[in-house]
Amino acid sequence: MKKKYRTHKDLEKMAENYFAEQEELNKPCSIAGISYFMGFADKSEFLELEKDEEFAPVINRIKLKIESQAIEMLTDKSYATTGVIFNLKCSFGYSDKITAGKDDMAELMQNAKKFIDEAETNE
């Protein structure tokens, strides 16, 4: 892929322009929006820059700023909460599921065994 931006400073400046424009228009920022603003064919092309050592820190900061804005929108009644949650799930990996780690599961199994042993002893 041909580089659209020569340096991370060029990319950073364009991102600042995007954020300033969105703020001026009182519009939320998005990965798709910044990808379009910067002239990428799609958001995956924009996100590919994360693999480039020079651009990765800038892309990560951009994503963090957009994610942070989305989280703040959850408490703003002028935004549809379900839409913001959908965006956080799709764009930033948020989930409703609670997953137990390997250690948590081992502890749960030990506690269950103790409970069963105590119940059998009391019979």
PDB file of N, CA and C in Angstrom:
ATOM      1  N   MET A   1       0.836  -1.178   0.000  1.00  0.00           N
ATOM      2  CA  MET A   1       0.000   0.000   0.000  1.00  0.00           C
ATOM      3  C   MET A   1       0.883   1.245   0.000  1.00  0.00           C
ATOM      4  N   LYS A   2       0.559   2.155  -0.859  1.00  0.00           N
ATOM      5  CA  LYS A   2       1.284   3.412  -0.936  1.00  0.00           C
ATOM      6  C   LYS A   2       0.916   4.283   0.263  1.00  0.00           C
ATOM      7  N   LYS A   3       1.916   4.884   0.875  1.00  0.00           N
ATOM      8  CA  LYS A   3       1.666   5.719   2.045  1.00  0.00           C
ATOM      9  C   LYS A   3       0.953   7.008   1.645  1.00  0.00           C
ATOM     10  N   LYS A   4      -0.132   7.317   2.336  1.00  0.00           N
ATOM     11  CA  LYS A   4      -0.849   8.560   2.113  1.00  0.00           C
ATOM     12  C   LYS A   4      -0.188   9.703   2.882  1.00  0.00           C
ATOM     13  N   TYR A   5       0.487   9.356   3.974  1.00  0.00           N
ATOM     14  CA  TYR A   5       1.124  10.344   4.816  1.00  0.00           C
ATOM     15  C   TYR A   5       2.599  10.015   4.942  1.00  0.00           C
ATOM     16  N   ARG A   6       3.438  11.005   4.739  1.00  0.00           N
ATOM     17  CA  ARG A   6       4.880  10.762   4.744  1.00  0.00           C
ATOM     18  C   ARG A   6       5.429  10.525   6.145  1.00  0.00           C
ATOM     19  N   THR A   7       4.919  11.306   7.102  1.00  0.00           N
ATOM     20  CA  THR A   7       5.422  11.172   8.465  1.00  0.00           C
ATOM     21  C   THR A   7       4.259  11.085   9.447  1.00  0.00           C
ATOM     22  N   HIS A   8       4.583  10.668  10.657  1.00  0.00           N
ATOM     23  CA  HIS A   8       3.561  10.608  11.698  1.00  0.00           C
ATOM     24  C   HIS A   8       3.046  12.008  12.029  1.00  0.00           C
ATOM     25  N   LYS A   9       3.878  13.027  11.835  1.00  0.00           N
ATOM     26  CA  LYS A   9       3.462  14.420  12.087  1.00  0.00           C
ATOM     27  C   LYS A   9       2.364  14.831  11.102  1.00  0.00           C
ATOM     28  N   ASP A  10       2.495  14.409   9.830  1.00  0.00           N
ATOM     29  CA  ASP A  10       1.459  14.709   8.834  1.00  0.00           C
ATOM     30  C   ASP A  10       0.133  14.071   9.239  1.00  0.00           C
ATOM     31  N   LEU A  11       0.202  12.823   9.672  1.00  0.00           N
ATOM     32  CA  LEU A  11      -0.987  12.093  10.100  1.00  0.00           C
ATOM     33  C   LEU A  11      -1.604  12.753  11.336  1.00  0.00           C
ATOM     34  N   GLU A  12      -0.760  13.134  12.262  1.00  0.00           N
ATOM     35  CA  GLU A  12      -1.209  13.781  13.489  1.00  0.00           C
ATOM     36  C   GLU A  12      -1.913  15.105  13.196  1.00  0.00           C
ATOM     37  N   LYS A  13      -1.348  15.886  12.285  1.00  0.00           N
ATOM     38  CA  LYS A  13      -1.930  17.183  11.912  1.00  0.00           C
ATOM     39  C   LYS A  13      -3.310  16.984  11.274  1.00  0.00           C
ATOM     40  N   MET A  14      -3.429  15.995  10.412  1.00  0.00           N
ATOM     41  CA  MET A  14      -4.705  15.725   9.759  1.00  0.00           C
ATOM     42  C   MET A  14      -5.742  15.274  10.792  1.00  0.00           C
ATOM     43  N   ALA A  15      -5.321  14.478  11.745  1.00  0.00           N
ATOM     44  CA  ALA A  15      -6.224  14.028  12.810  1.00  0.00           C
ATOM     45  C   ALA A  15      -6.698  15.226  13.633  1.00  0.00           C
ATOM     46  N   GLU A  16      -5.794  16.132  13.957  1.00  0.00           N
ATOM     47  CA  GLU A  16      -6.164  17.344  14.701  1.00  0.00           C
ATOM     48  C   GLU A  16      -7.204  18.148  13.920  1.00  0.00           C
ATOM     49  N   ASN A  17      -7.029  18.240  12.603  1.00  0.00           N
ATOM     50  CA  ASN A  17      -7.996  18.954  11.759  1.00  0.00           C
ATOM     51  C   ASN A  17      -9.368  18.281  11.820  1.00  0.00           C
ATOM     52  N   TYR A  18      -9.366  16.959  11.769  1.00  0.00           N
ATOM     53  CA  TYR A  18     -10.623  16.214  11.844  1.00  0.00           C
ATOM     54  C   TYR A  18     -11.318  16.468  13.174  1.00  0.00           C
ATOM     55  N   PHE A  19     -10.590  16.326  14.273  1.00  0.00           N
ATOM     56  CA  PHE A  19     -11.186  16.511  15.592  1.00  0.00           C
ATOM     57  C   PHE A  19     -11.708  17.938  15.766  1.00  0.00           C
ATOM     58  N   ALA A  20     -10.956  18.922  15.268  1.00  0.00           N
ATOM     59  CA  ALA A  20     -11.386  20.319  15.374  1.00  0.00           C
ATOM     60  C   ALA A  20     -12.668  20.554  14.574  1.00  0.00           C
ATOM     61  N   GLU A  21     -12.742  19.984  13.370  1.00  0.00           N
ATOM     62  CA  GLU A  21     -13.932  20.149  12.538  1.00  0.00           C
ATOM     63  C   GLU A  21     -15.157  19.500  13.185  1.00  0.00           C
ATOM     64  N   GLN A  22     -14.971  18.310  13.715  1.00  0.00           N
ATOM     65  CA  GLN A  22     -16.087  17.611  14.353  1.00  0.00           C
ATOM     66  C   GLN A  22     -16.577  18.380  15.584  1.00  0.00           C
ATOM     67  N   GLU A  23     -15.638  18.908  16.341  1.00  0.00           N
ATOM     68  CA  GLU A  23     -16.004  19.685  17.531  1.00  0.00           C
ATOM     69  C   GLU A  23     -16.764  20.952  17.130  1.00  0.00           C
ATOM     70  N   GLU A  24     -16.274  21.619  16.097  1.00  0.00           N
ATOM     71  CA  GLU A  24     -16.928  22.837  15.607  1.00  0.00           C
ATOM     72  C   GLU A  24     -18.361  22.550  15.148  1.00  0.00           C
ATOM     73  N   LEU A  25     -18.551  21.396  14.505  1.00  0.00           N
ATOM     74  CA  LEU A  25     -19.874  21.000  14.021  1.00  0.00           C
ATOM     75  C   LEU A  25     -20.709  20.311  15.104  1.00  0.00           C
ATOM     76  N   ASN A  26     -20.098  20.128  16.284  1.00  0.00           N
ATOM     77  CA  ASN A  26     -20.749  19.434  17.390  1.00  0.00           C
ATOM     78  C   ASN A  26     -21.197  18.022  16.995  1.00  0.00           C
ATOM     79  N   LYS A  27     -20.305  17.335  16.286  1.00  0.00           N
ATOM     80  CA  LYS A  27     -20.576  15.964  15.841  1.00  0.00           C
ATOM     81  C   LYS A  27     -19.605  15.010  16.521  1.00  0.00           C
ATOM     82  N   PRO A  28     -20.051  13.797  16.794  1.00  0.00           N
ATOM     83  CA  PRO A  28     -19.142  12.815  17.393  1.00  0.00           C
ATOM     84  C   PRO A  28     -18.114  12.321  16.371  1.00  0.00           C
ATOM     85  N   CYS A  29     -16.997  11.894  16.884  1.00  0.00           N
ATOM     86  CA  CYS A  29     -15.929  11.360  16.029  1.00  0.00           C
ATOM     87  C   CYS A  29     -16.099   9.847  15.913  1.00  0.00           C
ATOM     88  N   SER A  30     -15.573   9.290  14.834  1.00  0.00           N
ATOM     89  CA  SER A  30     -15.630   7.838  14.644  1.00  0.00           C
ATOM     90  C   SER A  30     -14.438   7.392  13.808  1.00  0.00           C
ATOM     91  N   ILE A  31     -14.154   6.117  13.888  1.00  0.00           N
ATOM     92  CA  ILE A  31     -13.074   5.544  13.074  1.00  0.00           C
ATOM     93  C   ILE A  31     -13.426   5.690  11.590  1.00  0.00           C
ATOM     94  N   ALA A  32     -14.669   5.397  11.249  1.00  0.00           N
ATOM     95  CA  ALA A  32     -15.102   5.530   9.854  1.00  0.00           C
ATOM     96  C   ALA A  32     -15.003   6.983   9.404  1.00  0.00           C
ATOM     97  N   GLY A  33     -15.414   7.904  10.270  1.00  0.00           N
ATOM     98  CA  GLY A  33     -15.379   9.318   9.922  1.00  0.00           C
ATOM     99  C   GLY A  33     -13.978   9.832   9.684  1.00  0.00           C
ATOM    100  N   ILE A  34     -13.053   9.486  10.557  1.00  0.00           N
ATOM    101  CA  ILE A  34     -11.682   9.963  10.386  1.00  0.00           C
ATOM    102  C   ILE A  34     -11.016   9.287   9.186  1.00  0.00           C
ATOM    103  N   SER A  35     -11.386   8.032   8.933  1.00  0.00           N
ATOM    104  CA  SER A  35     -10.839   7.320   7.763  1.00  0.00           C
ATOM    105  C   SER A  35     -11.262   8.025   6.483  1.00  0.00           C
ATOM    106  N   TYR A  36     -12.531   8.380   6.408  1.00  0.00           N
ATOM    107  CA  TYR A  36     -13.057   9.092   5.237  1.00  0.00           C
ATOM    108  C   TYR A  36     -12.414  10.471   5.116  1.00  0.00           C
ATOM    109  N   PHE A  37     -12.354  11.204   6.216  1.00  0.00           N
ATOM    110  CA  PHE A  37     -11.777  12.545   6.235  1.00  0.00           C
ATOM    111  C   PHE A  37     -10.340  12.538   5.734  1.00  0.00           C
ATOM    112  N   MET A  38      -9.591  11.497   6.101  1.00  0.00           N
ATOM    113  CA  MET A  38      -8.178  11.413   5.729  1.00  0.00           C
ATOM    114  C   MET A  38      -7.947  10.847   4.336  1.00  0.00           C
ATOM    115  N   GLY A  39      -9.028  10.473   3.663  1.00  0.00           N
ATOM    116  CA  GLY A  39      -8.898  10.042   2.277  1.00  0.00           C
ATOM    117  C   GLY A  39      -8.644   8.560   2.063  1.00  0.00           C
ATOM    118  N   PHE A  40      -8.893   7.756   3.086  1.00  0.00           N
ATOM    119  CA  PHE A  40      -8.709   6.315   2.933  1.00  0.00           C
ATOM    120  C   PHE A  40      -9.928   5.704   2.257  1.00  0.00           C
ATOM    121  N   ALA A  41      -9.716   4.604   1.566  1.00  0.00           N
ATOM    122  CA  ALA A  41     -10.808   3.922   0.862  1.00  0.00           C
ATOM    123  C   ALA A  41     -11.774   3.274   1.847  1.00  0.00           C
ATOM    124  N   ASP A  42     -11.264   2.808   2.976  1.00  0.00           N
ATOM    125  CA  ASP A  42     -12.105   2.234   4.021  1.00  0.00           C
ATOM    126  C   ASP A  42     -11.361   2.291   5.354  1.00  0.00           C
ATOM    127  N   LYS A  43     -12.058   1.977   6.420  1.00  0.00           N
ATOM    128  CA  LYS A  43     -11.431   2.097   7.739  1.00  0.00           C
ATOM    129  C   LYS A  43     -10.340   1.061   7.972  1.00  0.00           C
ATOM    130  N   SER A  44     -10.417  -0.070   7.306  1.00  0.00           N
ATOM    131  CA  SER A  44      -9.360  -1.080   7.485  1.00  0.00           C
ATOM    132  C   SER A  44      -8.030  -0.579   6.922  1.00  0.00           C
ATOM    133  N   GLU A  45      -8.098   0.211   5.862  1.00  0.00           N
ATOM    134  CA  GLU A  45      -6.876   0.802   5.292  1.00  0.00           C
ATOM    135  C   GLU A  45      -6.254   1.767   6.308  1.00  0.00           C
ATOM    136  N   PHE A  46      -7.099   2.544   6.965  1.00  0.00           N
ATOM    137  CA  PHE A  46      -6.637   3.466   8.014  1.00  0.00           C
ATOM    138  C   PHE A  46      -6.015   2.674   9.171  1.00  0.00           C
ATOM    139  N   LEU A  47      -6.714   1.629   9.615  1.00  0.00           N
ATOM    140  CA  LEU A  47      -6.246   0.843  10.757  1.00  0.00           C
ATOM    141  C   LEU A  47      -4.975   0.049  10.454  1.00  0.00           C
ATOM    142  N   GLU A  48      -4.711  -0.198   9.178  1.00  0.00           N
ATOM    143  CA  GLU A  48      -3.476  -0.887   8.774  1.00  0.00           C
ATOM    144  C   GLU A  48      -2.239  -0.105   9.201  1.00  0.00           C
ATOM    145  N   LEU A  49      -2.376   1.210   9.335  1.00  0.00           N
ATOM    146  CA  LEU A  49      -1.241   2.044   9.747  1.00  0.00           C
ATOM    147  C   LEU A  49      -0.727   1.665  11.135  1.00  0.00           C
ATOM    148  N   GLU A  50      -1.566   0.991  11.905  1.00  0.00           N
ATOM    149  CA  GLU A  50      -1.166   0.538  13.237  1.00  0.00           C
ATOM    150  C   GLU A  50       0.023  -0.425  13.164  1.00  0.00           C
ATOM    151  N   LYS A  51       0.157  -1.090  12.048  1.00  0.00           N
ATOM    152  CA  LYS A  51       1.247  -2.058  11.875  1.00  0.00           C
ATOM    153  C   LYS A  51       2.580  -1.374  11.584  1.00  0.00           C
ATOM    154  N   ASP A  52       2.528  -0.092  11.196  1.00  0.00           N
ATOM    155  CA  ASP A  52       3.732   0.667  10.892  1.00  0.00           C
ATOM    156  C   ASP A  52       4.244   1.302  12.184  1.00  0.00           C
ATOM    157  N   GLU A  53       5.468   0.982  12.550  1.00  0.00           N
ATOM    158  CA  GLU A  53       6.059   1.435  13.803  1.00  0.00           C
ATOM    159  C   GLU A  53       5.994   2.957  13.970  1.00  0.00           C
ATOM    160  N   GLU A  54       6.168   3.678  12.879  1.00  0.00           N
ATOM    161  CA  GLU A  54       6.148   5.141  12.951  1.00  0.00           C
ATOM    162  C   GLU A  54       4.747   5.676  13.246  1.00  0.00           C
ATOM    163  N   PHE A  55       3.733   5.057  12.649  1.00  0.00           N
ATOM    164  CA  PHE A  55       2.369   5.571  12.750  1.00  0.00           C
ATOM    165  C   PHE A  55       1.553   4.962  13.892  1.00  0.00           C
ATOM    166  N   ALA A  56       1.972   3.825  14.416  1.00  0.00           N
ATOM    167  CA  ALA A  56       1.198   3.112  15.442  1.00  0.00           C
ATOM    168  C   ALA A  56       0.833   3.987  16.650  1.00  0.00           C
ATOM    169  N   PRO A  57       1.782   4.745  17.219  1.00  0.00           N
ATOM    170  CA  PRO A  57       1.401   5.564  18.382  1.00  0.00           C
ATOM    171  C   PRO A  57       0.320   6.603  18.054  1.00  0.00           C
ATOM    172  N   VAL A  58       0.374   7.176  16.869  1.00  0.00           N
ATOM    173  CA  VAL A  58      -0.620   8.176  16.466  1.00  0.00           C
ATOM    174  C   VAL A  58      -1.986   7.511  16.288  1.00  0.00           C
ATOM    175  N   ILE A  59      -2.016   6.373  15.625  1.00  0.00           N
ATOM    176  CA  ILE A  59      -3.278   5.650  15.415  1.00  0.00           C
ATOM    177  C   ILE A  59      -3.872   5.239  16.757  1.00  0.00           C
ATOM    178  N   ASN A  60      -3.035   4.758  17.665  1.00  0.00           N
ATOM    179  CA  ASN A  60      -3.519   4.355  18.984  1.00  0.00           C
ATOM    180  C   ASN A  60      -4.107   5.538  19.756  1.00  0.00           C
ATOM    181  N   ARG A  61      -3.474   6.700  19.669  1.00  0.00           N
ATOM    182  CA  ARG A  61      -4.000   7.900  20.338  1.00  0.00           C
ATOM    183  C   ARG A  61      -5.320   8.336  19.709  1.00  0.00           C
ATOM    184  N   ILE A  62      -5.417   8.257  18.392  1.00  0.00           N
ATOM    185  CA  ILE A  62      -6.657   8.609  17.695  1.00  0.00           C
ATOM    186  C   ILE A  62      -7.784   7.693  18.170  1.00  0.00           C
ATOM    187  N   LYS A  63      -7.517   6.395  18.175  1.00  0.00           N
ATOM    188  CA  LYS A  63      -8.531   5.427  18.611  1.00  0.00           C
ATOM    189  C   LYS A  63      -8.925   5.670  20.064  1.00  0.00           C
ATOM    190  N   LEU A  64      -7.949   5.958  20.900  1.00  0.00           N
ATOM    191  CA  LEU A  64      -8.210   6.209  22.312  1.00  0.00           C
ATOM    192  C   LEU A  64      -9.085   7.454  22.496  1.00  0.00           C
ATOM    193  N   LYS A  65      -8.814   8.493  21.727  1.00  0.00           N
ATOM    194  CA  LYS A  65      -9.617   9.712  21.820  1.00  0.00           C
ATOM    195  C   LYS A  65     -11.060   9.441  21.392  1.00  0.00           C
ATOM    196  N   ILE A  66     -11.242   8.695  20.323  1.00  0.00           N
ATOM    197  CA  ILE A  66     -12.587   8.372  19.840  1.00  0.00           C
ATOM    198  C   ILE A  66     -13.311   7.477  20.848  1.00  0.00           C
ATOM    199  N   GLU A  67     -12.606   6.502  21.391  1.00  0.00           N
ATOM    200  CA  GLU A  67     -13.199   5.618  22.402  1.00  0.00           C
ATOM    201  C   GLU A  67     -13.592   6.414  23.645  1.00  0.00           C
ATOM    202  N   SER A  68     -12.713   7.301  24.079  1.00  0.00           N
ATOM    203  CA  SER A  68     -12.982   8.131  25.240  1.00  0.00           C
ATOM    204  C   SER A  68     -14.223   8.995  25.027  1.00  0.00           C
ATOM    205  N   GLN A  69     -14.338   9.562  23.841  1.00  0.00           N
ATOM    206  CA  GLN A  69     -15.514  10.371  23.523  1.00  0.00           C
ATOM    207  C   GLN A  69     -16.783   9.519  23.576  1.00  0.00           C
ATOM    208  N   ALA A  70     -16.707   8.305  23.060  1.00  0.00           N
ATOM    209  CA  ALA A  70     -17.870   7.414  23.071  1.00  0.00           C
ATOM    210  C   ALA A  70     -18.287   7.089  24.505  1.00  0.00           C
ATOM    211  N   ILE A  71     -17.325   6.855  25.370  1.00  0.00           N
ATOM    212  CA  ILE A  71     -17.628   6.557  26.772  1.00  0.00           C
ATOM    213  C   ILE A  71     -18.309   7.764  27.427  1.00  0.00           C
ATOM    214  N   GLU A  72     -17.815   8.953  27.135  1.00  0.00           N
ATOM    215  CA  GLU A  72     -18.425  10.168  27.678  1.00  0.00           C
ATOM    216  C   GLU A  72     -19.857  10.342  27.163  1.00  0.00           C
ATOM    217  N   MET A  73     -20.106   9.909  25.950  1.00  0.00           N
ATOM    218  CA  MET A  73     -21.441  10.031  25.356  1.00  0.00           C
ATOM    219  C   MET A  73     -22.474   9.178  26.085  1.00  0.00           C
ATOM    220  N   LEU A  74     -22.016   8.147  26.796  1.00  0.00           N
ATOM    221  CA  LEU A  74     -22.949   7.290  27.539  1.00  0.00           C
ATOM    222  C   LEU A  74     -23.721   8.057  28.602  1.00  0.00           C
ATOM    223  N   THR A  75     -23.118   9.106  29.122  1.00  0.00           N
ATOM    224  CA  THR A  75     -23.784   9.889  30.170  1.00  0.00           C
ATOM    225  C   THR A  75     -24.491  11.127  29.631  1.00  0.00           C
ATOM    226  N   ASP A  76     -24.359  11.362  28.339  1.00  0.00           N
ATOM    227  CA  ASP A  76     -24.994  12.524  27.712  1.00  0.00           C
ATOM    228  C   ASP A  76     -26.341  12.096  27.136  1.00  0.00           C
ATOM    229  N   LYS A  77     -27.396  12.646  27.686  1.00  0.00           N
ATOM    230  CA  LYS A  77     -28.755  12.246  27.300  1.00  0.00           C
ATOM    231  C   LYS A  77     -29.109  12.614  25.851  1.00  0.00           C
ATOM    232  N   SER A  78     -28.298  13.435  25.205  1.00  0.00           N
ATOM    233  CA  SER A  78     -28.612  13.806  23.821  1.00  0.00           C
ATOM    234  C   SER A  78     -28.178  12.731  22.817  1.00  0.00           C
ATOM    235  N   TYR A  79     -27.489  11.696  23.291  1.00  0.00           N
ATOM    236  CA  TYR A  79     -27.075  10.598  22.418  1.00  0.00           C
ATOM    237  C   TYR A  79     -27.853   9.334  22.785  1.00  0.00           C
ATOM    238  N   ALA A  80     -28.140   8.532  21.790  1.00  0.00           N
ATOM    239  CA  ALA A  80     -28.825   7.252  22.019  1.00  0.00           C
ATOM    240  C   ALA A  80     -27.834   6.271  22.645  1.00  0.00           C
ATOM    241  N   THR A  81     -28.091   5.908  23.874  1.00  0.00           N
ATOM    242  CA  THR A  81     -27.183   5.032  24.611  1.00  0.00           C
ATOM    243  C   THR A  81     -26.952   3.712  23.880  1.00  0.00           C
ATOM    244  N   THR A  82     -28.003   3.135  23.315  1.00  0.00           N
ATOM    245  CA  THR A  82     -27.839   1.839  22.641  1.00  0.00           C
ATOM    246  C   THR A  82     -26.917   1.972  21.428  1.00  0.00           C
ATOM    247  N   GLY A  83     -26.980   3.081  20.744  1.00  0.00           N
ATOM    248  CA  GLY A  83     -26.091   3.308  19.601  1.00  0.00           C
ATOM    249  C   GLY A  83     -24.644   3.437  20.035  1.00  0.00           C
ATOM    250  N   VAL A  84     -24.422   4.142  21.139  1.00  0.00           N
ATOM    251  CA  VAL A  84     -23.064   4.305  21.663  1.00  0.00           C
ATOM    252  C   VAL A  84     -22.517   2.954  22.118  1.00  0.00           C
ATOM    253  N   ILE A  85     -23.350   2.168  22.806  1.00  0.00           N
ATOM    254  CA  ILE A  85     -22.927   0.842  23.257  1.00  0.00           C
ATOM    255  C   ILE A  85     -22.588  -0.039  22.054  1.00  0.00           C
ATOM    256  N   PHE A  86     -23.426   0.022  21.027  1.00  0.00           N
ATOM    257  CA  PHE A  86     -23.168  -0.746  19.800  1.00  0.00           C
ATOM    258  C   PHE A  86     -21.812  -0.367  19.208  1.00  0.00           C
ATOM    259  N   ASN A  87     -21.526   0.926  19.161  1.00  0.00           N
ATOM    260  CA  ASN A  87     -20.248   1.400  18.635  1.00  0.00           C
ATOM    261  C   ASN A  87     -19.084   0.885  19.480  1.00  0.00           C
ATOM    262  N   LEU A  88     -19.215   0.951  20.791  1.00  0.00           N
ATOM    263  CA  LEU A  88     -18.140   0.470  21.662  1.00  0.00           C
ATOM    264  C   LEU A  88     -17.897  -1.025  21.477  1.00  0.00           C
ATOM    265  N   LYS A  89     -18.965  -1.775  21.299  1.00  0.00           N
ATOM    266  CA  LYS A  89     -18.822  -3.223  21.086  1.00  0.00           C
ATOM    267  C   LYS A  89     -18.162  -3.523  19.744  1.00  0.00           C
ATOM    268  N   CYS A  90     -18.631  -2.874  18.698  1.00  0.00           N
ATOM    269  CA  CYS A  90     -18.138  -3.170  17.350  1.00  0.00           C
ATOM    270  C   CYS A  90     -16.747  -2.598  17.075  1.00  0.00           C
ATOM    271  N   SER A  91     -16.507  -1.391  17.558  1.00  0.00           N
ATOM    272  CA  SER A  91     -15.255  -0.718  17.217  1.00  0.00           C
ATOM    273  C   SER A  91     -14.138  -0.904  18.237  1.00  0.00           C
ATOM    274  N   PHE A  92     -14.516  -1.185  19.486  1.00  0.00           N
ATOM    275  CA  PHE A  92     -13.499  -1.203  20.527  1.00  0.00           C
ATOM    276  C   PHE A  92     -13.472  -2.473  21.361  1.00  0.00           C
ATOM    277  N   GLY A  93     -14.231  -3.491  20.957  1.00  0.00           N
ATOM    278  CA  GLY A  93     -14.151  -4.797  21.601  1.00  0.00           C
ATOM    279  C   GLY A  93     -14.863  -4.928  22.934  1.00  0.00           C
ATOM    280  N   TYR A  94     -15.724  -3.983  23.258  1.00  0.00           N
ATOM    281  CA  TYR A  94     -16.487  -4.106  24.502  1.00  0.00           C
ATOM    282  C   TYR A  94     -17.473  -5.261  24.375  1.00  0.00           C
ATOM    283  N   SER A  95     -17.851  -5.821  25.536  1.00  0.00           N
ATOM    284  CA  SER A  95     -18.733  -6.974  25.527  1.00  0.00           C
ATOM    285  C   SER A  95     -19.601  -6.989  26.777  1.00  0.00           C
ATOM    286  N   ASP A  96     -20.779  -7.591  26.667  1.00  0.00           N
ATOM    287  CA  ASP A  96     -21.646  -7.782  27.825  1.00  0.00           C
ATOM    288  C   ASP A  96     -21.251  -9.032  28.603  1.00  0.00           C
ATOM    289  N   LYS A  97     -20.476  -9.881  27.991  1.00  0.00           N
ATOM    290  CA  LYS A  97     -20.120 -11.159  28.602  1.00  0.00           C
ATOM    291  C   LYS A  97     -19.053 -10.968  29.667  1.00  0.00           C
ATOM    292  N   ILE A  98     -19.232 -11.700  30.743  1.00  0.00           N
ATOM    293  CA  ILE A  98     -18.208 -11.746  31.780  1.00  0.00           C
ATOM    294  C   ILE A  98     -17.488 -13.066  31.595  1.00  0.00           C
ATOM    295  N   THR A  99     -16.224 -12.997  31.338  1.00  0.00           N
ATOM    296  CA  THR A  99     -15.467 -14.224  31.116  1.00  0.00           C
ATOM    297  C   THR A  99     -14.562 -14.493  32.312  1.00  0.00           C
ATOM    298  N   ALA A 100     -14.588 -15.706  32.750  1.00  0.00           N
ATOM    299  CA  ALA A 100     -13.745 -16.117  33.864  1.00  0.00           C
ATOM    300  C   ALA A 100     -12.417 -16.609  33.305  1.00  0.00           C
ATOM    301  N   GLY A 101     -11.358 -16.154  33.913  1.00  0.00           N
ATOM    302  CA  GLY A 101     -10.035 -16.595  33.502  1.00  0.00           C
ATOM    303  C   GLY A 101      -9.753 -17.981  34.032  1.00  0.00           C
ATOM    304  N   LYS A 102      -8.666 -18.548  33.610  1.00  0.00           N
ATOM    305  CA  LYS A 102      -8.266 -19.894  34.009  1.00  0.00           C
ATOM    306  C   LYS A 102      -8.153 -20.008  35.536  1.00  0.00           C
ATOM    307  N   ASP A 103      -7.531 -18.995  36.168  1.00  0.00           N
ATOM    308  CA  ASP A 103      -7.366 -19.017  37.624  1.00  0.00           C
ATOM    309  C   ASP A 103      -8.711 -18.903  38.330  1.00  0.00           C
ATOM    310  N   ASP A 104      -9.595 -18.054  37.800  1.00  0.00           N
ATOM    311  CA  ASP A 104     -10.930 -17.895  38.390  1.00  0.00           C
ATOM    312  C   ASP A 104     -11.692 -19.221  38.341  1.00  0.00           C
ATOM    313  N   MET A 105     -11.576 -19.915  37.233  1.00  0.00           N
ATOM    314  CA  MET A 105     -12.284 -21.176  37.058  1.00  0.00           C
ATOM    315  C   MET A 105     -11.733 -22.233  38.009  1.00  0.00           C
ATOM    316  N   ALA A 106     -10.422 -22.256  38.194  1.00  0.00           N
ATOM    317  CA  ALA A 106      -9.811 -23.224  39.109  1.00  0.00           C
ATOM    318  C   ALA A 106     -10.298 -22.972  40.536  1.00  0.00           C
ATOM    319  N   GLU A 107     -10.363 -21.700  40.936  1.00  0.00           N
ATOM    320  CA  GLU A 107     -10.853 -21.360  42.275  1.00  0.00           C
ATOM    321  C   GLU A 107     -12.324 -21.746  42.430  1.00  0.00           C
ATOM    322  N   LEU A 108     -13.105 -21.504  41.412  1.00  0.00           N
ATOM    323  CA  LEU A 108     -14.520 -21.863  41.428  1.00  0.00           C
ATOM    324  C   LEU A 108     -14.687 -23.371  41.596  1.00  0.00           C
ATOM    325  N   MET A 109     -13.885 -24.143  40.889  1.00  0.00           N
ATOM    326  CA  MET A 109     -13.958 -25.602  40.973  1.00  0.00           C
ATOM    327  C   MET A 109     -13.562 -26.085  42.379  1.00  0.00           C
ATOM    328  N   GLN A 110     -12.529 -25.470  42.970  1.00  0.00           N
ATOM    329  CA  GLN A 110     -12.107 -25.846  44.321  1.00  0.00           C
ATOM    330  C   GLN A 110     -13.222 -25.556  45.325  1.00  0.00           C
ATOM    331  N   ASN A 111     -13.825 -24.386  45.206  1.00  0.00           N
ATOM    332  CA  ASN A 111     -14.914 -24.023  46.115  1.00  0.00           C
ATOM    333  C   ASN A 111     -16.111 -24.956  45.948  1.00  0.00           C
ATOM    334  N   ALA A 112     -16.410 -25.331  44.720  1.00  0.00           N
ATOM    335  CA  ALA A 112     -17.521 -26.257  44.459  1.00  0.00           C
ATOM    336  C   ALA A 112     -17.222 -27.616  45.086  1.00  0.00           C
ATOM    337  N   LYS A 113     -15.974 -28.076  44.954  1.00  0.00           N
ATOM    338  CA  LYS A 113     -15.588 -29.368  45.530  1.00  0.00           C
ATOM    339  C   LYS A 113     -15.719 -29.333  47.050  1.00  0.00           C
ATOM    340  N   LYS A 114     -15.272 -28.221  47.677  1.00  0.00           N
ATOM    341  CA  LYS A 114     -15.401 -28.084  49.138  1.00  0.00           C
ATOM    342  C   LYS A 114     -16.870 -28.125  49.541  1.00  0.00           C
ATOM    343  N   PHE A 115     -17.698 -27.435  48.799  1.00  0.00           N
ATOM    344  CA  PHE A 115     -19.133 -27.382  49.090  1.00  0.00           C
ATOM    345  C   PHE A 115     -19.747 -28.773  48.991  1.00  0.00           C
ATOM    346  N   ILE A 116     -19.406 -29.498  47.960  1.00  0.00           N
ATOM    347  CA  ILE A 116     -19.927 -30.854  47.759  1.00  0.00           C
ATOM    348  C   ILE A 116     -19.423 -31.782  48.876  1.00  0.00           C
ATOM    349  N   ASP A 117     -18.122 -31.695  49.203  1.00  0.00           N
ATOM    350  CA  ASP A 117     -17.551 -32.520  50.273  1.00  0.00           C
ATOM    351  C   ASP A 117     -18.216 -32.244  51.605  1.00  0.00           C
ATOM    352  N   GLU A 118     -18.462 -30.942  51.897  1.00  0.00           N
ATOM    353  CA  GLU A 118     -19.135 -30.572  53.155  1.00  0.00           C
ATOM    354  C   GLU A 118     -20.576 -31.106  53.177  1.00  0.00           C
ATOM    355  N   ALA A 119     -21.246 -31.031  52.036  1.00  0.00           N
ATOM    356  CA  ALA A 119     -22.637 -31.513  51.958  1.00  0.00           C
ATOM    357  C   ALA A 119     -22.663 -33.018  52.166  1.00  0.00           C
ATOM    358  N   GLU A 120     -21.722 -33.747  51.601  1.00  0.00           N
ATOM    359  CA  GLU A 120     -21.676 -35.208  51.765  1.00  0.00           C
ATOM    360  C   GLU A 120     -21.331 -35.581  53.204  1.00  0.00           C
ATOM    361  N   THR A 121     -20.475 -34.807  53.854  1.00  0.00           N
ATOM    362  CA  THR A 121     -20.084 -35.067  55.234  1.00  0.00           C
ATOM    363  C   THR A 121     -21.267 -34.859  56.181  1.00  0.00           C
ATOM    364  N   ASN A 122     -22.099 -33.883  55.889  1.00  0.00           N
ATOM    365  CA  ASN A 122     -23.250 -33.557  56.741  1.00  0.00           C
ATOM    366  C   ASN A 122     -24.408 -34.510  56.536  1.00  0.00           C
ATOM    367  N   GLU A 123     -24.366 -35.396  55.582  1.00  0.00           N
ATOM    368  CA  GLU A 123     -25.485 -36.330  55.323  1.00  0.00           C
ATOM    369  C   GLU A 123     -25.537 -37.426  56.300  1.00  0.00           C
TER     370      GLU A 123
END
